[in-house]
Protein backbone atom coordinates (compact mmCIF):
# COMPACT_ATOMS: atom_id res chain seq x y z
CA MET A 1 77.72 137.80 30.90
CA LEU A 2 80.88 135.87 31.72
CA LEU A 3 79.03 132.52 31.89
CA SER A 4 77.20 133.19 28.65
CA THR A 5 80.47 134.06 26.88
CA ALA A 6 82.13 130.94 28.29
CA SER A 7 79.20 128.84 27.09
CA LEU A 8 79.38 130.30 23.58
CA PHE A 9 83.15 129.76 23.54
CA HIS A 10 83.25 126.07 24.50
CA HIS A 11 80.19 125.17 22.37
CA ALA A 12 81.65 126.80 19.30
CA ASP A 13 82.93 124.58 16.52
CA LEU A 14 86.45 125.91 16.74
CA ARG A 15 89.48 123.84 15.83
CA TRP A 16 92.74 125.34 16.89
CA SER A 17 96.28 124.29 16.18
CA GLU A 18 97.76 121.63 18.47
CA SER A 19 100.11 124.22 20.00
CA TRP A 20 97.17 126.43 21.10
CA GLU A 21 95.27 123.43 22.49
CA GLN A 22 98.37 122.31 24.46
CA CYS A 23 98.74 125.83 25.84
CA LEU A 24 95.09 126.34 26.87
CA SER A 25 93.66 122.92 27.67
CA PRO A 26 95.50 122.39 30.97
CA TRP A 27 93.60 125.33 32.38
CA LEU A 28 90.58 126.18 30.25
CA ILE A 29 87.73 124.14 28.89
CA THR A 30 88.31 124.44 25.18
CA PRO A 31 85.77 123.46 22.53
CA ARG A 32 87.76 120.27 21.81
CA LEU A 33 87.67 119.27 25.49
CA HIS A 34 84.01 120.06 26.03
CA ARG A 35 82.98 118.19 22.86
CA LEU A 36 83.72 114.89 24.68
CA HIS A 37 80.84 115.79 27.06
CA HIS A 38 78.42 115.67 24.07
CA SER A 39 79.71 112.29 22.76
CA LEU A 40 77.13 109.73 21.59
CA ASP A 41 79.00 107.14 23.68
CA ALA A 42 77.47 107.27 27.20
CA ALA A 43 80.77 106.47 28.87
CA GLU A 44 82.55 109.30 27.11
CA SER A 45 79.79 111.76 27.82
CA GLN A 46 80.48 111.47 31.55
CA HIS A 47 83.62 113.59 31.21
CA ASN A 48 84.53 117.31 30.99
CA PHE A 49 81.55 118.89 32.67
CA GLY A 50 83.52 122.01 33.43
CA PHE A 51 82.14 125.33 32.33
CA SER A 52 85.29 127.47 32.19
CA THR A 53 88.23 125.75 33.85
CA THR A 54 89.40 122.16 34.09
CA LEU A 55 89.84 122.51 37.86
CA TRP A 56 86.59 120.81 38.91
CA ASP A 57 86.84 117.99 36.45
CA ARG A 58 90.39 117.30 37.61
CA ALA A 59 89.33 117.42 41.27
CA PHE A 60 86.38 114.97 40.79
CA GLY A 61 88.08 112.65 38.30
CA THR A 62 85.91 113.45 35.32
CA PHE A 63 88.66 115.16 33.25
CA SER A 64 89.64 113.55 29.96
CA ASP A 65 92.12 114.85 27.41
CA GLN A 66 90.75 112.87 24.49
CA SER A 67 91.66 114.84 21.39
CA ALA A 68 89.77 113.23 18.52
CA TYR A 69 86.83 114.87 16.76
CA PHE A 70 83.84 112.56 16.57
CA PRO A 71 80.05 112.73 15.98
CA ALA A 72 78.41 114.46 18.92
CA GLY A 73 74.88 115.35 19.86
CA LEU A 74 71.65 113.49 20.06
CA LEU A 75 71.53 110.24 18.08
CA GLU A 76 68.03 110.82 16.75
CA TYR A 77 69.16 114.16 15.18
CA LEU A 78 72.57 113.04 13.90
CA HIS A 79 71.57 112.49 10.22
CA THR A 80 69.04 115.26 9.86
CA ARG A 81 69.63 118.74 8.56
């Protein structure tokens, strides 16, 4: 149940204030941090694999604190409803 809840949390389309992000993102994978993993850019998608904490991404050098929102997902479905 914990893993399912974490998955729902970081795949949600939540946008928090910068102060909340700064408070949580050093420790937890927030939706903003995990979104980079779903980037259309192959180089960007190789970051932020973590499921709940940033610990493993930091340990293996895959952590990125990129903060911009950008199109994410599968390119072939980007412009469909």
